[in-house]
Amino acid sequence: MRETLVLNASFEPLATVSLRRAVVLVMQDKAVVEQAHPGLRIRAAAVEMPVPRVIRLSRYVRVPFRRQAAWSRRGVLVRDQHRCAYCGRRATTVDHIVPRSRGGGDSWLNTVASCVEDNHRKADRTPEQAGMRLPDARGRAGGGAGRCRTGGASGVAGAAGVASGRVTSAAAG
């Protein structure tokens, strides 16, 4: 099925819709055809029109601006390239640096990807209390001593480094 690009009244791209939805918008005078497929036409009993490739809405649609991407477990794993923030092995879980039971929430700065073993070993403690290290912003080991080695260039450096600084201030207060 063909996809049609939908532009706002200000010519900003909004989305792609099915050919059927595009035709309905044009027929209801909610959109106009800006570009059509050459040589292709849609025919009905009383109507014939070009097959739309790009349509523009007749009225401006306000699109709310989101400053940050919504937090998700999948997003954290993708951000950290499925690498454990503590040892660098394959991560399948998300660890809260400040545990949820201690007021830590689901946020980009408070979560890192973790392997099951390290997530279980850390349990309901901060990395410092568990003797585990998080990489700083440059990918080097931060925090206290522990048997875990950092992932080095595992992709968690930026977010975990910021979060690590946050843990220190949260643990101190």
Protein backbone atom coordinates (compact mmCIF):
# COMPACT_ATOMS: atom_id res chain seq x y z
CA MET A 1 0.00 0.00 0.00
CA ARG A 2 1.28 3.50 -0.85
CA GLU A 3 2.24 5.94 1.89
CA THR A 4 1.48 9.65 1.58
CA LEU A 5 3.44 12.43 3.30
CA VAL A 6 1.29 14.84 5.32
CA LEU A 7 2.47 18.43 5.66
CA ASN A 8 1.16 20.98 8.11
CA ALA A 9 -0.39 24.17 6.69
CA SER A 10 3.06 25.74 7.22
CA PHE A 11 4.62 23.02 4.99
CA GLU A 12 6.30 21.25 7.96
CA PRO A 13 6.26 17.44 7.65
CA LEU A 14 3.98 15.80 10.22
CA ALA A 15 3.60 12.13 9.36
CA THR A 16 2.93 9.58 6.68
CA VAL A 17 -0.50 8.09 6.23
CA SER A 18 -2.03 5.39 4.06
CA LEU A 19 -3.30 6.27 0.61
CA ARG A 20 -6.85 5.65 1.82
CA ARG A 21 -6.48 8.13 4.72
CA ALA A 22 -4.92 10.72 2.40
CA VAL A 23 -7.82 10.44 -0.06
CA VAL A 24 -10.34 10.83 2.78
CA LEU A 25 -8.58 13.99 4.01
CA VAL A 26 -8.60 15.47 0.50
CA MET A 27 -12.24 14.51 -0.14
CA GLN A 28 -13.30 16.13 3.16
CA ASP A 29 -11.44 19.32 2.15
CA LYS A 30 -9.16 18.97 5.16
CA ALA A 31 -6.10 18.73 2.90
CA VAL A 32 -4.99 19.62 -0.61
CA VAL A 33 -2.79 17.58 -2.92
CA GLU A 34 0.65 19.21 -3.22
CA GLN A 35 2.26 16.50 -5.31
CA ALA A 36 0.71 13.53 -7.09
CA HIS A 37 2.07 10.34 -8.59
CA PRO A 38 2.50 11.03 -12.31
CA GLY A 39 0.04 9.16 -14.48
CA LEU A 40 -1.86 7.54 -11.58
CA ARG A 41 -5.45 8.48 -10.83
CA ILE A 42 -8.15 7.32 -8.43
CA ARG A 43 -11.58 6.85 -9.96
CA ALA A 44 -14.93 6.47 -8.27
CA ALA A 45 -18.52 6.77 -9.51
CA ALA A 46 -18.63 10.56 -9.25
CA VAL A 47 -14.99 11.52 -8.62
CA GLU A 48 -11.64 11.27 -10.31
CA MET A 49 -8.48 12.61 -8.69
CA PRO A 50 -4.71 12.16 -8.86
CA VAL A 51 -3.08 9.67 -6.47
CA PRO A 52 -1.57 11.91 -3.78
CA ARG A 53 2.12 11.57 -2.94
CA VAL A 54 2.21 14.66 -0.67
CA ILE A 55 -0.75 16.43 0.91
CA ARG A 56 -0.90 19.66 2.92
CA LEU A 57 -3.46 20.21 5.68
CA SER A 58 -5.77 23.19 5.11
CA ARG A 59 -5.61 24.26 8.75
CA TYR A 60 -2.51 24.53 10.92
CA VAL A 61 -2.18 21.74 13.50
CA ARG A 62 -0.28 22.68 16.64
CA VAL A 63 2.22 19.95 17.53
CA PRO A 64 3.34 19.97 21.16
CA PHE A 65 7.11 20.15 21.52
CA ARG A 66 8.78 17.57 23.75
CA ARG A 67 12.12 18.58 25.16
CA GLN A 68 13.11 15.08 26.28
CA ALA A 69 12.40 11.62 25.04
CA ALA A 70 10.15 9.67 27.40
CA TRP A 71 12.03 7.23 29.65
CA SER A 72 11.73 3.54 28.85
CA ARG A 73 13.60 0.36 29.73
CA ARG A 74 14.17 -0.35 26.07
CA GLY A 75 15.50 3.18 25.59
CA VAL A 76 18.02 2.74 28.41
CA LEU A 77 19.25 -0.57 26.95
CA VAL A 78 19.61 0.99 23.49
CA ARG A 79 21.36 4.09 24.91
CA ASP A 80 23.85 1.90 26.77
CA GLN A 81 24.25 -0.42 23.75
CA HIS A 82 23.08 -3.45 25.80
CA ARG A 83 26.32 -3.31 27.84
CA CYS A 84 26.42 -3.61 31.63
CA ALA A 85 27.51 -0.36 33.28
CA TYR A 86 29.39 -2.31 35.95
CA CYS A 87 31.25 -5.07 34.09
CA GLY A 88 30.72 -4.47 30.35
CA ARG A 89 29.02 -7.80 29.61
CA ARG A 90 25.69 -8.07 27.78
CA ALA A 91 22.96 -6.24 29.70
CA THR A 92 19.39 -7.49 29.82
CA THR A 93 18.03 -5.52 32.80
CA VAL A 94 17.88 -1.90 33.93
CA ASP A 95 19.38 -0.92 37.28
CA HIS A 96 18.28 2.11 39.31
CA ILE A 97 21.38 3.84 40.66
CA VAL A 98 19.39 5.26 43.56
CA PRO A 99 16.91 2.41 44.21
CA ARG A 100 13.22 3.15 43.78
CA SER A 101 12.65 2.13 47.39
CA ARG A 102 14.94 5.00 48.42
CA GLY A 103 13.26 7.65 46.30
CA GLY A 104 15.05 7.08 43.02
CA GLY A 105 12.76 7.29 40.03
CA ASP A 106 12.57 6.06 36.47
CA SER A 107 14.69 8.73 34.80
CA TRP A 108 17.48 8.84 32.25
CA LEU A 109 19.97 10.01 34.89
CA ASN A 110 19.05 7.41 37.51
CA THR A 111 19.10 4.26 35.36
CA VAL A 112 21.77 2.25 33.58
CA ALA A 113 21.81 -1.03 31.71
CA SER A 114 23.00 -3.95 33.81
CA CYS A 115 23.55 -7.67 33.55
CA VAL A 116 21.35 -9.85 35.76
CA GLU A 117 24.22 -10.87 38.04
CA ASP A 118 25.34 -7.32 38.82
CA ASN A 119 21.77 -6.07 39.20
CA HIS A 120 21.10 -8.86 41.71
CA ARG A 121 24.41 -8.28 43.52
CA LYS A 122 23.76 -4.54 43.88
CA ALA A 123 20.20 -5.26 45.06
CA ASP A 124 18.60 -2.44 47.08
CA ARG A 125 21.79 -0.40 47.54
CA THR A 126 23.61 2.42 45.80
CA PRO A 127 26.73 1.44 43.82
CA GLU A 128 28.96 2.91 46.55
CA GLN A 129 27.24 0.84 49.26
CA ALA A 130 27.58 -2.29 47.12
CA GLY A 131 31.26 -1.56 46.37
CA MET A 132 30.58 -1.29 42.63
CA ARG A 133 31.90 1.24 40.15
CA LEU A 134 30.21 3.27 37.44
CA PRO A 135 32.23 4.85 34.63
CA ASP A 136 32.60 8.64 34.74
CA ALA A 137 31.84 10.89 31.77
CA ARG A 138 35.09 9.85 30.04
CA GLY A 139 34.42 6.11 30.44
CA ARG A 140 36.92 5.62 33.28
CA ALA A 141 36.11 3.94 36.55
CA GLY A 142 34.63 6.17 39.23
CA GLY A 143 33.19 5.39 42.66
CA GLY A 144 34.48 2.95 45.26
CA ALA A 145 36.45 -0.25 44.99
CA GLY A 146 34.84 -3.46 43.87
CA ARG A 147 35.47 -6.59 41.87
CA CYS A 148 33.59 -5.27 38.82
CA ARG A 149 35.56 -3.72 36.05
CA THR A 150 34.00 -0.89 34.06
CA GLY A 151 32.79 -1.29 30.53
CA GLY A 152 35.30 1.27 29.30
CA ALA A 153 33.87 2.51 26.02
CA SER A 154 30.66 0.62 26.55
CA GLY A 155 28.38 3.50 25.65
CA VAL A 156 27.15 4.18 29.18
CA ALA A 157 29.85 6.71 29.94
CA GLY A 158 27.86 9.91 29.41
CA ALA A 159 24.65 9.02 31.21
CA ALA A 160 26.22 6.90 33.93
CA GLY A 161 28.85 9.52 34.64
CA VAL A 162 26.21 12.18 35.21
CA ALA A 163 24.18 9.76 37.27
CA SER A 164 27.23 8.78 39.28
CA GLY A 165 27.70 12.40 40.35
CA ARG A 166 24.04 12.50 41.29
CA VAL A 167 24.38 9.40 43.46
CA THR A 168 27.26 10.94 45.38
CA SER A 169 25.19 14.02 46.23
CA ALA A 170 22.10 11.92 47.01
CA ALA A 171 24.05 9.54 49.25
CA ALA A 172 25.69 12.44 51.08
CA GLY A 173 22.35 14.10 51.90
